[in-house]
Amino acid sequence: MKSIYRIALLGMAAIAASCSNNGPQWHLNGSIEGLAEGDNIILEGNNQGYWYVIDTIHPSKDGSIKYAGEPHGYPDIFRIRVGESSVYFPIDSLETVTVTATAPDIAANHTLS
């Protein structure tokens, strides 16, 4: 009976280890003021001039955002989009980018650091 518990415990530990991502990551932090309830922030990547959706970032109630992504191994340009307005930012390796913006026109009303 004890061996069944040990096997189950080892199995759960293996699943937990495979689900966690402890590898290197880049980070996007910041806040977007003026979002309407239910607004999402779309994170997009670029592939030879064509934008594709990487993920949807759900901001907290105060508009703060956090995202961590795996590095590509080469410099790349990403963007976050709210509606038709976008903020572009570069990622070179394992850095942290901070975006502070005001919706709905985040392209004209943002600070990137």
C-alpha atoms as a PDB file:
ATOM      1  CA  MET A   1       0.000   0.000   0.000  1.00  0.00           C
ATOM      2  CA  LYS A   2       2.883   2.350   0.791  1.00  0.00           C
ATOM      3  CA  SER A   3       4.396   1.741  -2.650  1.00  0.00           C
ATOM      4  CA  ILE A   4       1.174   2.942  -4.339  1.00  0.00           C
ATOM      5  CA  TYR A   5       1.398   6.213  -2.411  1.00  0.00           C
ATOM      6  CA  ARG A   6       5.065   6.590  -3.320  1.00  0.00           C
ATOM      7  CA  ILE A   7       4.337   5.991  -6.999  1.00  0.00           C
ATOM      8  CA  ALA A   8       1.456   8.466  -6.916  1.00  0.00           C
ATOM      9  CA  LEU A   9       3.631  11.046  -5.140  1.00  0.00           C
ATOM     10  CA  LEU A  10       6.454  10.596  -7.640  1.00  0.00           C
ATOM     11  CA  GLY A  11       3.997  10.903 -10.515  1.00  0.00           C
ATOM     12  CA  MET A  12       2.568  14.158  -9.144  1.00  0.00           C
ATOM     13  CA  ALA A  13       6.084  15.520  -8.605  1.00  0.00           C
ATOM     14  CA  ALA A  14       7.019  14.674 -12.197  1.00  0.00           C
ATOM     15  CA  ILE A  15       3.915  16.413 -13.537  1.00  0.00           C
ATOM     16  CA  ALA A  16       4.578  19.503 -11.397  1.00  0.00           C
ATOM     17  CA  ALA A  17       8.200  19.648 -12.566  1.00  0.00           C
ATOM     18  CA  SER A  18       7.222  19.385 -16.215  1.00  0.00           C
ATOM     19  CA  CYS A  19       4.612  22.159 -15.888  1.00  0.00           C
ATOM     20  CA  SER A  20       6.921  24.752 -14.356  1.00  0.00           C
ATOM     21  CA  ASN A  21       9.117  26.861 -16.597  1.00  0.00           C
ATOM     22  CA  ASN A  22      12.390  27.646 -14.898  1.00  0.00           C
ATOM     23  CA  GLY A  23      14.248  28.552 -18.084  1.00  0.00           C
ATOM     24  CA  PRO A  24      15.396  32.028 -19.088  1.00  0.00           C
ATOM     25  CA  GLN A  25      12.651  34.520 -19.954  1.00  0.00           C
ATOM     26  CA  TRP A  26      12.146  38.112 -21.004  1.00  0.00           C
ATOM     27  CA  HIS A  27       9.538  40.188 -19.177  1.00  0.00           C
ATOM     28  CA  LEU A  28       6.936  42.780 -20.112  1.00  0.00           C
ATOM     29  CA  ASN A  29       5.573  44.834 -17.218  1.00  0.00           C
ATOM     30  CA  GLY A  30       3.582  48.019 -16.995  1.00  0.00           C
ATOM     31  CA  SER A  31       0.133  49.500 -16.901  1.00  0.00           C
ATOM     32  CA  ILE A  32      -2.481  50.763 -19.310  1.00  0.00           C
ATOM     33  CA  GLU A  33      -4.940  53.292 -17.946  1.00  0.00           C
ATOM     34  CA  GLY A  34      -8.373  53.869 -19.428  1.00  0.00           C
ATOM     35  CA  LEU A  35      -9.116  50.309 -20.474  1.00  0.00           C
ATOM     36  CA  ALA A  36     -12.783  49.423 -20.672  1.00  0.00           C
ATOM     37  CA  GLU A  37     -13.928  46.437 -18.646  1.00  0.00           C
ATOM     38  CA  GLY A  38     -13.217  43.282 -20.591  1.00  0.00           C
ATOM     39  CA  ASP A  39     -10.571  44.894 -22.826  1.00  0.00           C
ATOM     40  CA  ASN A  40      -7.696  42.566 -23.568  1.00  0.00           C
ATOM     41  CA  ILE A  41      -4.184  43.347 -24.627  1.00  0.00           C
ATOM     42  CA  ILE A  42      -2.967  41.312 -27.576  1.00  0.00           C
ATOM     43  CA  LEU A  43       0.737  40.424 -27.689  1.00  0.00           C
ATOM     44  CA  GLU A  44       1.930  39.930 -31.255  1.00  0.00           C
ATOM     45  CA  GLY A  45       5.144  38.785 -32.878  1.00  0.00           C
ATOM     46  CA  ASN A  46       6.526  39.536 -36.313  1.00  0.00           C
ATOM     47  CA  ASN A  47       7.400  37.001 -38.994  1.00  0.00           C
ATOM     48  CA  GLN A  48       8.899  38.665 -42.065  1.00  0.00           C
ATOM     49  CA  GLY A  49       6.489  41.590 -41.943  1.00  0.00           C
ATOM     50  CA  TYR A  50       3.383  39.636 -40.921  1.00  0.00           C
ATOM     51  CA  TRP A  51       2.036  40.006 -37.387  1.00  0.00           C
ATOM     52  CA  TYR A  52       0.725  36.956 -35.554  1.00  0.00           C
ATOM     53  CA  VAL A  53      -0.895  36.596 -32.147  1.00  0.00           C
ATOM     54  CA  ILE A  54       1.352  35.150 -29.440  1.00  0.00           C
ATOM     55  CA  ASP A  55      -0.919  35.546 -26.449  1.00  0.00           C
ATOM     56  CA  THR A  56      -3.694  37.576 -24.844  1.00  0.00           C
ATOM     57  CA  ILE A  57      -2.726  39.509 -21.734  1.00  0.00           C
ATOM     58  CA  HIS A  58      -5.528  40.051 -19.256  1.00  0.00           C
ATOM     59  CA  PRO A  59      -4.831  43.218 -17.252  1.00  0.00           C
ATOM     60  CA  SER A  60      -5.653  43.421 -13.566  1.00  0.00           C
ATOM     61  CA  LYS A  61      -8.452  45.734 -12.410  1.00  0.00           C
ATOM     62  CA  ASP A  62      -6.007  48.623 -12.025  1.00  0.00           C
ATOM     63  CA  GLY A  63      -4.685  48.103 -15.575  1.00  0.00           C
ATOM     64  CA  SER A  64      -1.338  46.582 -14.623  1.00  0.00           C
ATOM     65  CA  ILE A  65       0.132  43.937 -16.895  1.00  0.00           C
ATOM     66  CA  LYS A  66       2.785  41.247 -16.547  1.00  0.00           C
ATOM     67  CA  TYR A  67       4.000  38.801 -19.135  1.00  0.00           C
ATOM     68  CA  ALA A  68       7.027  36.521 -19.445  1.00  0.00           C
ATOM     69  CA  GLY A  69       8.155  35.006 -22.727  1.00  0.00           C
ATOM     70  CA  GLU A  70      10.809  32.623 -23.890  1.00  0.00           C
ATOM     71  CA  PRO A  71      13.725  34.235 -25.745  1.00  0.00           C
ATOM     72  CA  HIS A  72      14.130  33.489 -29.447  1.00  0.00           C
ATOM     73  CA  GLY A  73      17.934  33.589 -29.384  1.00  0.00           C
ATOM     74  CA  TYR A  74      17.996  36.650 -31.656  1.00  0.00           C
ATOM     75  CA  PRO A  75      16.705  40.245 -31.421  1.00  0.00           C
ATOM     76  CA  ASP A  76      13.065  40.661 -32.403  1.00  0.00           C
ATOM     77  CA  ILE A  77      10.268  43.231 -32.452  1.00  0.00           C
ATOM     78  CA  PHE A  78       6.994  42.620 -30.636  1.00  0.00           C
ATOM     79  CA  ARG A  79       3.909  44.733 -30.130  1.00  0.00           C
ATOM     80  CA  ILE A  80       0.997  44.988 -27.771  1.00  0.00           C
ATOM     81  CA  ARG A  81      -2.314  45.984 -29.280  1.00  0.00           C
ATOM     82  CA  VAL A  82      -5.489  47.411 -27.788  1.00  0.00           C
ATOM     83  CA  GLY A  83      -8.108  47.665 -30.523  1.00  0.00           C
ATOM     84  CA  GLU A  84      -6.342  49.173 -33.537  1.00  0.00           C
ATOM     85  CA  SER A  85      -3.660  51.010 -31.524  1.00  0.00           C
ATOM     86  CA  SER A  86      -0.251  49.393 -30.929  1.00  0.00           C
ATOM     87  CA  VAL A  87       2.994  49.910 -29.033  1.00  0.00           C
ATOM     88  CA  TYR A  88       6.095  48.319 -30.563  1.00  0.00           C
ATOM     89  CA  PHE A  89       9.068  47.202 -28.463  1.00  0.00           C
ATOM     90  CA  PRO A  90      12.316  45.320 -29.080  1.00  0.00           C
ATOM     91  CA  ILE A  91      13.479  42.250 -27.195  1.00  0.00           C
ATOM     92  CA  ASP A  92      17.135  41.359 -27.531  1.00  0.00           C
ATOM     93  CA  SER A  93      17.553  38.644 -24.926  1.00  0.00           C
ATOM     94  CA  LEU A  94      16.572  38.374 -21.267  1.00  0.00           C
ATOM     95  CA  GLU A  95      15.532  41.917 -20.508  1.00  0.00           C
ATOM     96  CA  THR A  96      12.557  43.563 -18.870  1.00  0.00           C
ATOM     97  CA  VAL A  97      10.530  46.105 -20.814  1.00  0.00           C
ATOM     98  CA  THR A  98       8.106  48.428 -19.040  1.00  0.00           C
ATOM     99  CA  VAL A  99       5.186  50.032 -20.883  1.00  0.00           C
ATOM    100  CA  THR A 100       3.005  52.738 -19.392  1.00  0.00           C
ATOM    101  CA  ALA A 101       0.145  53.848 -21.644  1.00  0.00           C
ATOM    102  CA  THR A 102      -3.305  55.392 -21.744  1.00  0.00           C
ATOM    103  CA  ALA A 103      -6.084  53.803 -23.797  1.00  0.00           C
ATOM    104  CA  PRO A 104      -7.690  53.991 -26.256  1.00  0.00           C
ATOM    105  CA  ASP A 105      -4.789  55.470 -28.284  1.00  0.00           C
ATOM    106  CA  ILE A 106      -1.831  53.700 -26.689  1.00  0.00           C
ATOM    107  CA  ALA A 107       0.334  54.442 -29.756  1.00  0.00           C
ATOM    108  CA  ALA A 108       0.248  58.190 -29.070  1.00  0.00           C
ATOM    109  CA  ASN A 109       0.093  58.002 -25.273  1.00  0.00           C
ATOM    110  CA  HIS A 110       2.818  55.670 -24.032  1.00  0.00           C
ATOM    111  CA  THR A 111       6.201  55.524 -22.372  1.00  0.00           C
ATOM    112  CA  LEU A 112       8.581  52.658 -23.018  1.00  0.00           C
ATOM    113  CA  SER A 113      11.553  51.873 -20.788  1.00  0.00           C
END
